[in-house]
Amino acid sequence: MKARVHITLKNGVLDPQGRAIANALHSLGFDKVGDVRQGKFIEIDLKESDKAKAKSEVDQMCAKLLANTVIENYSVDLVE
């Protein structure tokens, strides 16, 4: 089973990398681009067949290491 974790900054947290991406896109002629928010994507191979256990384990990984839950949100998608 694979876990796909998407991590993004919470609303209201400044995103200087997102702003830099937006500015670069504007300079390349993509004038219709509005606000850009960037994040992280992490794919994890799990040796767990029980979806509930896998989700719980990945939630623990996010809380302890992968995401800074003070300023970041995360979502987990499990794929068999």
N, C-alpha and C. Protein backbone atom coordinates (compact mmCIF):
# COMPACT_ATOMS: atom_id res chain seq x y z
N MET A 1 0.85 -1.17 0.00
CA MET A 1 0.00 0.00 0.00
C MET A 1 0.90 1.24 0.00
N LYS A 2 0.46 2.27 -0.70
CA LYS A 2 1.18 3.53 -0.73
C LYS A 2 0.37 4.59 -0.02
N ALA A 3 1.07 5.44 0.69
CA ALA A 3 0.45 6.62 1.29
C ALA A 3 0.99 7.83 0.54
N ARG A 4 0.09 8.67 0.11
CA ARG A 4 0.46 9.92 -0.56
C ARG A 4 0.08 11.05 0.37
N VAL A 5 1.07 11.80 0.81
CA VAL A 5 0.87 12.86 1.78
C VAL A 5 1.09 14.21 1.10
N HIS A 6 0.10 15.07 1.19
CA HIS A 6 0.17 16.43 0.66
C HIS A 6 0.25 17.37 1.85
N ILE A 7 1.28 18.21 1.87
CA ILE A 7 1.48 19.13 2.98
C ILE A 7 1.48 20.55 2.42
N THR A 8 0.64 21.41 3.01
CA THR A 8 0.55 22.79 2.56
C THR A 8 0.54 23.71 3.77
N LEU A 9 0.94 24.95 3.55
CA LEU A 9 0.88 25.93 4.62
C LEU A 9 -0.57 26.28 4.92
N LYS A 10 -0.85 26.52 6.19
CA LYS A 10 -2.20 26.92 6.58
C LYS A 10 -2.51 28.31 6.02
N ASN A 11 -3.79 28.59 5.83
CA ASN A 11 -4.21 29.92 5.38
C ASN A 11 -3.72 30.95 6.39
N GLY A 12 -3.24 32.06 5.89
CA GLY A 12 -2.75 33.12 6.75
C GLY A 12 -1.26 33.06 7.01
N VAL A 13 -0.62 31.92 6.72
CA VAL A 13 0.82 31.80 6.88
C VAL A 13 1.47 32.30 5.59
N LEU A 14 2.43 33.21 5.74
CA LEU A 14 3.10 33.75 4.57
C LEU A 14 3.83 32.64 3.82
N ASP A 15 3.79 32.73 2.50
CA ASP A 15 4.41 31.72 1.64
C ASP A 15 5.36 32.41 0.66
N PRO A 16 6.59 32.73 1.09
CA PRO A 16 7.52 33.43 0.20
C PRO A 16 7.87 32.64 -1.06
N GLN A 17 7.95 31.31 -0.96
CA GLN A 17 8.24 30.52 -2.17
C GLN A 17 7.08 30.60 -3.15
N GLY A 18 5.86 30.55 -2.64
CA GLY A 18 4.69 30.69 -3.51
C GLY A 18 4.68 32.04 -4.20
N ARG A 19 5.04 33.09 -3.45
CA ARG A 19 5.09 34.45 -4.03
C ARG A 19 6.17 34.50 -5.11
N ALA A 20 7.33 33.89 -4.88
CA ALA A 20 8.40 33.88 -5.87
C ALA A 20 7.96 33.14 -7.13
N ILE A 21 7.25 32.04 -6.96
CA ILE A 21 6.74 31.29 -8.12
C ILE A 21 5.75 32.15 -8.91
N ALA A 22 4.85 32.82 -8.21
CA ALA A 22 3.87 33.69 -8.88
C ALA A 22 4.58 34.79 -9.65
N ASN A 23 5.57 35.41 -9.03
CA ASN A 23 6.32 36.48 -9.71
C ASN A 23 7.04 35.95 -10.95
N ALA A 24 7.63 34.77 -10.85
CA ALA A 24 8.33 34.18 -12.00
C ALA A 24 7.35 33.87 -13.13
N LEU A 25 6.19 33.34 -12.77
CA LEU A 25 5.17 33.04 -13.80
C LEU A 25 4.70 34.32 -14.47
N HIS A 26 4.52 35.39 -13.70
CA HIS A 26 4.12 36.67 -14.29
C HIS A 26 5.19 37.17 -15.26
N SER A 27 6.47 37.03 -14.85
CA SER A 27 7.55 37.51 -15.72
C SER A 27 7.66 36.68 -16.99
N LEU A 28 7.15 35.46 -16.97
CA LEU A 28 7.14 34.61 -18.17
C LEU A 28 5.91 34.83 -19.04
N GLY A 29 5.07 35.79 -18.64
CA GLY A 29 3.91 36.13 -19.45
C GLY A 29 2.61 35.48 -19.03
N PHE A 30 2.61 34.78 -17.92
CA PHE A 30 1.38 34.16 -17.43
C PHE A 30 0.65 35.15 -16.51
N ASP A 31 0.04 36.16 -17.13
CA ASP A 31 -0.55 37.27 -16.38
C ASP A 31 -1.82 36.90 -15.64
N LYS A 32 -2.47 35.82 -16.00
CA LYS A 32 -3.74 35.46 -15.37
C LYS A 32 -3.54 34.64 -14.08
N VAL A 33 -2.28 34.38 -13.70
CA VAL A 33 -2.00 33.65 -12.46
C VAL A 33 -2.24 34.58 -11.29
N GLY A 34 -3.00 34.09 -10.33
CA GLY A 34 -3.25 34.85 -9.10
C GLY A 34 -2.27 34.41 -8.03
N ASP A 35 -2.78 34.17 -6.85
CA ASP A 35 -1.97 33.74 -5.73
C ASP A 35 -1.47 32.31 -5.95
N VAL A 36 -0.25 32.03 -5.57
CA VAL A 36 0.33 30.69 -5.67
C VAL A 36 0.74 30.25 -4.28
N ARG A 37 0.36 29.05 -3.91
CA ARG A 37 0.79 28.43 -2.65
C ARG A 37 1.54 27.16 -3.02
N GLN A 38 2.69 26.95 -2.44
CA GLN A 38 3.45 25.76 -2.72
C GLN A 38 3.43 24.85 -1.50
N GLY A 39 3.75 23.58 -1.72
CA GLY A 39 3.74 22.64 -0.62
C GLY A 39 4.67 21.48 -0.91
N LYS A 40 4.46 20.39 -0.18
CA LYS A 40 5.30 19.19 -0.33
C LYS A 40 4.40 18.00 -0.65
N PHE A 41 4.96 17.07 -1.39
CA PHE A 41 4.29 15.80 -1.69
C PHE A 41 5.25 14.69 -1.30
N ILE A 42 4.79 13.79 -0.46
CA ILE A 42 5.62 12.67 0.00
C ILE A 42 4.87 11.38 -0.27
N GLU A 43 5.54 10.43 -0.90
CA GLU A 43 4.93 9.12 -1.17
C GLU A 43 5.68 8.08 -0.34
N ILE A 44 4.93 7.28 0.41
CA ILE A 44 5.52 6.30 1.32
C ILE A 44 4.98 4.92 1.00
N ASP A 45 5.86 3.96 0.80
CA ASP A 45 5.45 2.56 0.65
C ASP A 45 5.27 1.97 2.05
N LEU A 46 4.12 1.39 2.29
CA LEU A 46 3.81 0.80 3.60
C LEU A 46 3.64 -0.71 3.48
N LYS A 47 4.10 -1.41 4.47
CA LYS A 47 3.88 -2.86 4.54
C LYS A 47 2.73 -3.11 5.51
N GLU A 48 1.59 -2.54 5.20
CA GLU A 48 0.39 -2.66 6.02
C GLU A 48 -0.80 -2.82 5.09
N SER A 49 -1.63 -3.82 5.33
CA SER A 49 -2.78 -4.06 4.45
C SER A 49 -4.07 -3.49 5.03
N ASP A 50 -4.10 -3.21 6.32
CA ASP A 50 -5.28 -2.65 6.96
C ASP A 50 -5.27 -1.13 6.79
N LYS A 51 -6.28 -0.60 6.07
CA LYS A 51 -6.30 0.83 5.76
C LYS A 51 -6.36 1.70 7.01
N ALA A 52 -7.15 1.30 7.99
CA ALA A 52 -7.27 2.10 9.22
C ALA A 52 -5.95 2.18 9.95
N LYS A 53 -5.24 1.06 10.03
CA LYS A 53 -3.94 1.05 10.70
C LYS A 53 -2.93 1.88 9.91
N ALA A 54 -2.96 1.75 8.59
CA ALA A 54 -2.04 2.51 7.75
C ALA A 54 -2.29 4.01 7.91
N LYS A 55 -3.55 4.41 7.90
CA LYS A 55 -3.88 5.84 8.04
C LYS A 55 -3.42 6.36 9.39
N SER A 56 -3.65 5.59 10.44
CA SER A 56 -3.22 5.98 11.78
C SER A 56 -1.71 6.13 11.85
N GLU A 57 -1.00 5.20 11.25
CA GLU A 57 0.46 5.24 11.26
C GLU A 57 0.99 6.46 10.51
N VAL A 58 0.41 6.75 9.36
CA VAL A 58 0.86 7.91 8.57
C VAL A 58 0.50 9.21 9.30
N ASP A 59 -0.65 9.25 9.96
CA ASP A 59 -1.00 10.43 10.77
C ASP A 59 0.06 10.67 11.85
N GLN A 60 0.52 9.60 12.47
CA GLN A 60 1.56 9.73 13.49
C GLN A 60 2.88 10.23 12.88
N MET A 61 3.20 9.73 11.68
CA MET A 61 4.42 10.18 10.99
C MET A 61 4.34 11.68 10.73
N CYS A 62 3.17 12.12 10.28
CA CYS A 62 2.99 13.54 9.96
C CYS A 62 3.10 14.40 11.22
N ALA A 63 2.46 13.96 12.30
CA ALA A 63 2.48 14.72 13.54
C ALA A 63 3.88 14.79 14.15
N LYS A 64 4.66 13.72 14.01
CA LYS A 64 5.97 13.66 14.65
C LYS A 64 7.12 14.18 13.80
N LEU A 65 6.97 14.12 12.45
CA LEU A 65 8.11 14.47 11.61
C LEU A 65 7.76 15.20 10.32
N LEU A 66 6.83 14.69 9.57
CA LEU A 66 6.65 15.15 8.19
C LEU A 66 6.05 16.55 8.08
N ALA A 67 5.15 16.91 8.97
CA ALA A 67 4.47 18.20 8.88
C ALA A 67 4.66 18.98 10.17
N ASN A 68 4.84 20.27 10.04
CA ASN A 68 4.84 21.16 11.20
C ASN A 68 3.40 21.59 11.40
N THR A 69 2.68 20.90 12.26
CA THR A 69 1.24 21.09 12.37
C THR A 69 0.85 22.45 12.94
N VAL A 70 1.81 23.23 13.41
CA VAL A 70 1.51 24.58 13.87
C VAL A 70 1.20 25.47 12.66
N ILE A 71 1.95 25.28 11.57
CA ILE A 71 1.78 26.15 10.40
C ILE A 71 1.37 25.41 9.14
N GLU A 72 1.31 24.07 9.19
CA GLU A 72 1.00 23.29 7.98
C GLU A 72 -0.20 22.38 8.18
N ASN A 73 -0.95 22.19 7.11
CA ASN A 73 -2.01 21.18 7.04
C ASN A 73 -1.48 20.02 6.21
N TYR A 74 -2.05 18.84 6.44
CA TYR A 74 -1.68 17.71 5.60
C TYR A 74 -2.91 16.88 5.31
N SER A 75 -2.86 16.17 4.19
CA SER A 75 -3.89 15.19 3.85
C SER A 75 -3.21 13.93 3.39
N VAL A 76 -3.88 12.80 3.64
CA VAL A 76 -3.30 11.50 3.31
C VAL A 76 -4.25 10.76 2.39
N ASP A 77 -3.73 10.24 1.29
CA ASP A 77 -4.47 9.37 0.39
C ASP A 77 -3.78 8.02 0.40
N LEU A 78 -4.55 6.96 0.62
CA LEU A 78 -3.99 5.61 0.61
C LEU A 78 -4.37 4.94 -0.70
N VAL A 79 -3.38 4.31 -1.34
CA VAL A 79 -3.58 3.65 -2.62
C VAL A 79 -3.04 2.23 -2.50
N GLU A 80 -3.85 1.25 -2.91
CA GLU A 80 -3.40 -0.14 -2.82
C GLU A 80 -2.67 -0.56 -4.07
